[in-house]
Protein backbone atom coordinates (compact mmCIF):
# COMPACT_ATOMS: atom_id res chain seq x y z
CA MET A 1 0.00 0.00 0.00
CA LYS A 2 1.46 3.35 -1.05
CA ILE A 3 1.25 5.88 1.77
CA HIS A 4 3.36 8.91 0.86
CA GLY A 5 1.83 11.76 -1.08
CA HIS A 6 3.53 14.80 0.42
CA ALA A 7 6.71 16.86 0.25
CA ASN A 8 7.83 16.46 3.86
CA GLY A 9 10.50 13.97 2.82
CA ALA A 10 12.14 16.74 0.78
CA LYS A 11 11.88 19.08 3.77
CA THR A 12 13.62 16.52 5.96
CA ALA A 13 16.39 16.14 3.37
CA ALA A 14 16.80 19.94 3.25
CA LEU A 15 17.08 20.10 7.04
CA PHE A 16 19.75 17.41 6.99
CA GLY A 17 21.54 19.50 4.36
CA LEU A 18 21.53 22.44 6.76
CA MET A 19 23.06 20.24 9.43
CA TRP A 20 25.88 19.21 7.10
CA ALA A 21 26.43 22.87 6.23
CA LEU A 22 26.72 23.63 9.96
CA ILE A 23 29.24 20.82 10.39
CA PHE A 24 31.36 22.25 7.58
CA ALA A 25 31.09 25.81 8.95
CA VAL A 26 32.16 24.83 12.46
CA TRP A 27 34.91 22.60 11.12
CA TYR A 28 36.17 25.56 9.08
CA PHE A 29 36.86 27.46 12.31
CA THR A 30 38.53 24.50 14.00
CA SER A 31 41.73 22.79 12.96
CA ARG A 32 40.19 21.49 9.72
CA SER A 33 41.63 18.18 10.80
CA THR A 34 39.96 15.18 9.23
CA ALA A 35 41.22 13.15 12.18
CA THR A 36 39.37 15.40 14.65
CA LEU A 37 36.19 15.24 12.62
CA GLY A 38 36.54 11.48 12.30
CA ILE A 39 36.96 11.01 16.06
CA TYR A 40 33.86 13.05 16.86
CA ALA A 41 31.87 11.32 14.14
CA ALA A 42 32.90 7.91 15.49
CA ILE A 43 31.94 8.83 19.07
CA SER A 44 28.58 10.21 17.95
CA LEU A 45 27.78 7.24 15.76
CA VAL A 46 28.64 4.71 18.47
CA MET A 47 26.46 6.52 21.01
CA THR A 48 23.61 6.95 18.56
CA PHE A 49 23.81 3.38 17.27
CA GLY A 50 23.47 2.12 20.84
CA SER A 51 20.41 4.25 21.55
CA TYR A 52 18.91 3.32 18.15
CA TRP A 53 19.53 -0.43 18.47
CA PHE A 54 18.09 -0.55 21.97
CA SER A 55 15.49 2.18 21.45
CA ASP A 56 12.54 -0.10 22.20
CA SER A 57 13.83 -1.54 25.48
CA LEU A 58 15.12 1.84 26.72
CA SER A 59 11.95 3.81 25.98
CA LEU A 60 9.58 1.11 27.21
CA ALA A 61 11.56 0.70 30.43
CA SER A 62 11.54 4.46 31.05
CA MET A 63 7.73 4.39 30.90
CA GLN A 64 7.50 1.18 33.01
CA ALA A 65 5.45 -0.30 30.18
CA ARG A 66 4.59 -3.99 30.00
CA GLU A 67 3.68 -6.14 27.04
CA VAL A 68 0.00 -7.07 27.10
CA SER A 69 -1.80 -10.08 25.71
CA GLU A 70 -4.70 -10.22 23.29
CA ALA A 71 -6.86 -11.64 26.05
CA GLU A 72 -6.26 -8.47 28.10
CA TYR A 73 -6.78 -5.94 25.29
CA PRO A 74 -8.66 -7.62 22.43
CA GLN A 75 -9.84 -4.35 20.85
CA LEU A 76 -6.32 -2.94 20.83
CA TYR A 77 -4.99 -6.07 19.16
CA ARG A 78 -7.81 -6.05 16.63
CA MET A 79 -7.11 -2.45 15.58
CA VAL A 80 -3.33 -2.89 15.35
CA ARG A 81 -3.73 -6.13 13.39
CA GLU A 82 -6.17 -4.49 10.98
CA LEU A 83 -3.99 -1.42 10.37
CA SER A 84 -0.70 -3.30 10.04
CA GLY A 85 -2.39 -5.75 7.69
CA LYS A 86 -3.74 -2.89 5.59
CA ALA A 87 -0.21 -1.49 5.35
CA GLU A 88 1.05 -5.00 4.52
CA LYS A 89 3.57 -4.80 7.34
CA PRO A 90 4.40 -7.03 10.33
CA MET A 91 2.31 -6.52 13.44
CA PRO A 92 4.28 -4.86 16.27
CA ARG A 93 4.26 -5.87 19.92
CA ILE A 94 1.72 -4.04 22.06
CA TYR A 95 2.54 -2.42 25.40
CA VAL A 96 0.61 -0.45 28.00
CA ALA A 97 2.26 2.06 30.35
CA PRO A 98 0.61 2.62 33.75
CA THR A 99 0.72 6.44 33.73
CA LEU A 100 -2.57 8.35 33.72
CA SER A 101 -1.11 11.02 31.41
CA PRO A 102 -2.73 10.37 28.00
CA ASN A 103 -0.23 9.56 25.26
CA ALA A 104 1.14 6.91 22.93
CA PHE A 105 4.37 6.18 21.10
CA ALA A 106 5.98 3.68 18.76
CA THR A 107 9.55 2.49 18.96
CA GLY A 108 11.89 -0.11 17.52
CA ARG A 109 14.80 -0.16 15.10
CA ASN A 110 12.70 -1.54 12.23
CA GLU A 111 9.24 -2.86 11.45
CA ARG A 112 10.17 -6.39 12.53
CA HIS A 113 11.44 -5.21 15.92
CA ALA A 114 8.76 -2.65 16.70
CA ALA A 115 6.45 -1.94 19.59
CA VAL A 116 3.45 0.34 20.06
CA CYS A 117 2.74 1.63 23.55
CA CYS A 118 -0.42 3.31 24.84
CA THR A 119 -0.69 4.80 28.30
CA ALA A 120 -3.52 3.82 30.61
CA GLY A 121 -4.61 7.46 30.46
CA ILE A 122 -5.12 7.50 26.70
CA LEU A 123 -7.08 4.25 26.76
CA ASP A 124 -9.42 5.75 29.34
CA LEU A 125 -9.74 9.11 27.59
CA LEU A 126 -10.32 8.23 23.93
CA ASP A 127 -13.05 6.25 22.24
CA GLU A 128 -12.25 3.33 19.93
CA ARG A 129 -12.35 5.41 16.75
CA GLU A 130 -9.90 7.96 18.18
CA ILE A 131 -7.55 5.25 19.47
CA ARG A 132 -7.55 3.72 15.98
CA GLY A 133 -6.53 7.11 14.56
CA VAL A 134 -3.69 7.33 17.09
CA LEU A 135 -2.51 3.82 16.27
CA GLY A 136 -2.41 4.64 12.56
CA HIS A 137 -0.15 7.60 13.36
CA GLU A 138 2.18 5.54 15.53
CA LEU A 139 2.46 2.67 13.09
CA MET A 140 3.54 5.08 10.38
CA HIS A 141 6.41 6.30 12.56
CA VAL A 142 7.71 2.72 12.42
CA TYR A 143 6.98 2.16 8.73
CA ASN A 144 8.54 5.53 7.78
CA ARG A 145 11.70 4.59 9.76
CA ASP A 146 11.43 7.72 11.88
CA ILE A 147 13.48 6.19 14.70
CA LEU A 148 16.38 5.91 12.25
CA THR A 149 15.80 9.47 11.01
CA SER A 150 15.81 10.92 14.53
CA SER A 151 18.92 8.90 15.42
CA ILE A 152 20.84 10.29 12.43
CA ALA A 153 19.73 13.82 13.35
CA ALA A 154 20.94 13.27 16.91
CA ALA A 155 24.30 12.02 15.64
CA LEU A 156 24.82 15.08 13.44
CA ALA A 157 23.78 17.44 16.25
CA THR A 158 26.28 15.75 18.56
CA ILE A 159 29.11 16.14 16.03
CA ILE A 160 28.31 19.86 15.70
CA SER A 161 28.31 20.30 19.48
CA TYR A 162 31.62 18.46 19.92
CA LEU A 163 33.27 20.52 17.19
CA ALA A 164 32.02 23.77 18.77
CA TYR A 165 33.25 22.70 22.20
CA SER A 166 36.67 21.77 20.80
CA LEU A 167 36.92 25.25 19.28
CA GLN A 168 35.95 26.81 22.62
CA PHE A 169 38.43 24.90 24.76
CA PHE A 170 41.25 24.01 22.42
CA GLY A 171 41.10 26.55 19.64
CA GLY A 172 42.68 25.22 16.48
CA SER A 173 45.40 25.71 13.89
CA ARG A 174 43.53 28.78 12.65
CA ARG A 175 43.87 30.62 16.01
CA ASP A 176 46.44 33.15 14.69
CA GLU A 177 44.34 33.87 11.64
CA ARG A 178 41.25 34.44 13.83
CA GLU A 179 43.13 36.78 16.16
CA SER A 180 44.38 38.88 13.25
CA SER A 181 40.99 39.00 11.53
CA PRO A 182 37.90 40.56 13.18
CA LEU A 183 35.65 38.58 10.86
CA GLY A 184 37.47 35.40 11.74
CA ALA A 185 37.11 36.10 15.45
CA ILE A 186 33.41 36.88 15.05
CA GLY A 187 32.93 33.72 13.04
CA ALA A 188 34.62 31.65 15.72
CA VAL A 189 32.43 33.15 18.46
CA LEU A 190 29.31 32.53 16.41
CA ALA A 191 30.41 28.95 15.79
CA ILE A 192 30.94 28.34 19.50
CA ILE A 193 27.66 29.88 20.66
CA LEU A 194 25.21 29.53 17.82
CA ALA A 195 26.16 26.24 16.17
CA PRO A 196 24.93 23.93 18.96
CA ILE A 197 21.74 25.98 19.32
CA SER A 198 21.17 25.90 15.57
CA ALA A 199 21.77 22.15 15.50
CA SER A 200 19.17 21.65 18.23
CA LEU A 201 16.65 23.80 16.35
CA ILE A 202 17.19 21.85 13.14
CA GLN A 203 16.87 18.58 15.06
CA MET A 204 13.56 19.79 16.50
CA ALA A 205 12.41 20.89 13.05
CA ILE A 206 13.12 17.41 11.68
CA SER A 207 11.07 15.90 14.51
CA ARG A 208 8.15 18.24 13.82
CA THR A 209 8.28 17.43 10.10
CA ARG A 210 8.12 13.71 10.86
CA GLU A 211 5.06 14.32 13.08
CA TYR A 212 3.26 15.98 10.17
CA ASP A 213 4.25 12.98 8.03
CA ALA A 214 2.87 10.52 10.55
CA ASP A 215 -0.37 12.53 10.87
CA GLU A 216 -0.89 12.46 7.12
CA ASP A 217 0.27 8.91 6.49
CA GLY A 218 -1.51 7.53 9.54
CA SER A 219 -4.76 9.18 8.48
CA THR A 220 -4.35 7.75 4.98
CA LEU A 221 -3.86 4.33 6.56
CA SER A 222 -6.87 4.63 8.86
CA GLY A 223 -8.98 6.56 6.35
CA ASP A 224 -10.17 8.78 9.19
CA PRO A 225 -8.24 12.06 9.70
CA LEU A 226 -11.06 13.47 11.84
CA ALA A 227 -10.56 10.71 14.40
CA LEU A 228 -6.91 11.71 14.81
CA ALA A 229 -7.85 15.40 14.99
CA SER A 230 -10.31 14.68 17.77
CA ALA A 231 -7.76 12.52 19.57
CA LEU A 232 -5.07 15.22 19.42
CA GLN A 233 -7.41 17.80 20.91
CA LYS A 234 -8.42 15.49 23.75
CA ILE A 235 -4.82 14.45 24.40
CA GLU A 236 -3.62 18.04 24.66
CA ARG A 237 -6.33 18.88 27.19
CA GLY A 238 -5.67 15.66 29.04
CA VAL A 239 -1.94 16.41 29.28
CA GLN A 240 -2.65 19.84 30.77
CA ALA A 241 -4.72 18.12 33.46
CA ALA A 242 -2.31 15.21 34.02
CA PRO A 243 1.16 15.93 32.58
CA LEU A 244 3.88 13.33 32.56
CA ARG A 245 6.46 13.80 35.31
CA GLN A 246 9.72 15.07 33.84
CA THR A 247 12.64 12.72 34.43
CA ALA A 248 15.71 11.85 32.37
CA GLY A 249 13.87 8.82 31.02
CA THR A 250 10.62 10.57 30.13
CA GLN A 251 12.54 13.47 28.56
CA ASN A 252 14.19 11.01 26.17
CA VAL A 253 10.95 9.30 25.17
CA ALA A 254 8.90 12.52 24.94
CA SER A 255 9.90 13.17 21.33
CA MET A 256 8.50 9.76 20.33
CA MET A 257 5.05 10.46 21.74
CA ILE A 258 2.12 11.54 19.62
CA SER A 259 1.84 14.79 21.57
CA SER A 260 4.14 16.58 23.99
CA PRO A 261 3.58 14.90 27.38
CA PHE A 262 4.46 18.04 29.36
CA ARG A 263 2.43 21.16 30.10
CA ALA A 264 2.69 23.82 27.40
CA ALA A 265 4.11 26.30 29.93
CA ASP A 266 7.04 23.93 30.59
CA VAL A 267 8.13 23.61 26.94
CA SER A 268 9.37 26.38 24.67
CA ARG A 269 7.54 26.22 21.35
CA LEU A 270 10.81 27.00 19.57
CA PHE A 271 12.45 23.88 21.01
CA SER A 272 9.33 21.71 20.95
CA THR A 273 9.63 18.35 19.22
CA HIS A 274 5.95 18.54 18.21
CA PRO A 275 4.13 21.00 15.93
CA PRO A 276 1.38 23.14 17.50
CA THR A 277 -1.72 21.01 17.96
CA GLU A 278 -3.97 23.59 16.32
CA GLN A 279 -1.86 23.44 13.15
CA ARG A 280 -1.97 19.66 13.10
CA ILE A 281 -5.75 19.70 13.51
CA ALA A 282 -6.13 22.29 10.74
CA ARG A 283 -4.11 20.09 8.38
CA LEU A 284 -6.18 17.05 9.29
CA HIS A 285 -9.40 18.98 8.70
CA GLN A 286 -8.15 19.99 5.26
CA MET A 287 -7.21 16.39 4.55
CA ALA A 288 -10.73 15.31 5.59
CA ARG A 289 -12.27 17.81 3.17
CA GLU A 290 -10.10 16.44 0.36
CA MET A 291 -11.36 12.95 1.25
CA GLY A 292 -14.97 14.13 1.10
CA GLN A 293 -15.45 14.12 4.87
CA SER A 294 -16.97 17.07 6.73
CA PRO A 295 -14.92 18.61 9.53
CA ASP A 296 -17.43 21.42 10.04
CA ILE A 297 -18.98 19.76 13.07
CA PRO A 298 -16.85 20.62 16.16
CA VAL A 299 -14.26 17.93 16.73
CA TYR A 300 -14.58 17.75 20.49
CA HIS A 301 -16.84 19.15 23.17
CA GLN A 302 -15.48 19.18 26.70
């Protein structure tokens, strides 16, 4: 089943291009040593490969999630089996996390080693149609290989940060040139201060782009963008009432979740890993209109 019909893949590629441009710019103000760049790249790749390869066990453990049986959650199994079958992909393992904060996420290094996790809060909050819309979104994160995409983005951001820190603490073979040139000195300062921030912003932008992808592709898979729109609105209100407690573990898994699990006041929109909910809902409403569905009736009444 063909899912993609959008330009977000090109946007992601462009954002990765910006990251490579940042790497070159920072490297220009360091020693320009291929050995230095190679060392930082190797460190970043080893760290990222470990988090990518064990992404499912690490994220599920941080949420204290447990794998559930079909006897316990027959409706959940039925929906996941139907959607994965429609996509002609393997069915992932199904987990439930005990937190009352409503959310869901998918993880795993590929579609054969994938897991979908719903919190107890989201299962209590949403109706079956809305949960199906959420599951379509999460499955598409796996099928679009978004865990791999986010891991590569993290590796590039780490390389940029290491290069900037090496310039800050160790300077480089271009130190004399920088000291004799105001532009060179300014460039070095900008590289030290702005490069890591810029890398983080690009990394967040990649994450937000992948969320739009999963919204669109998941709604194509489920055939029901209005269900996902309704779910997103309920989840956001539910998170404000019962946010996830911020720990090192939950911070790491937050970017995988369908919606930010923390209160809006605690997360800067600029550094948010998720697009604004109102924009996501507007896109889903437009998608519904294109599919001949009517979004004119209010999505959710509190």
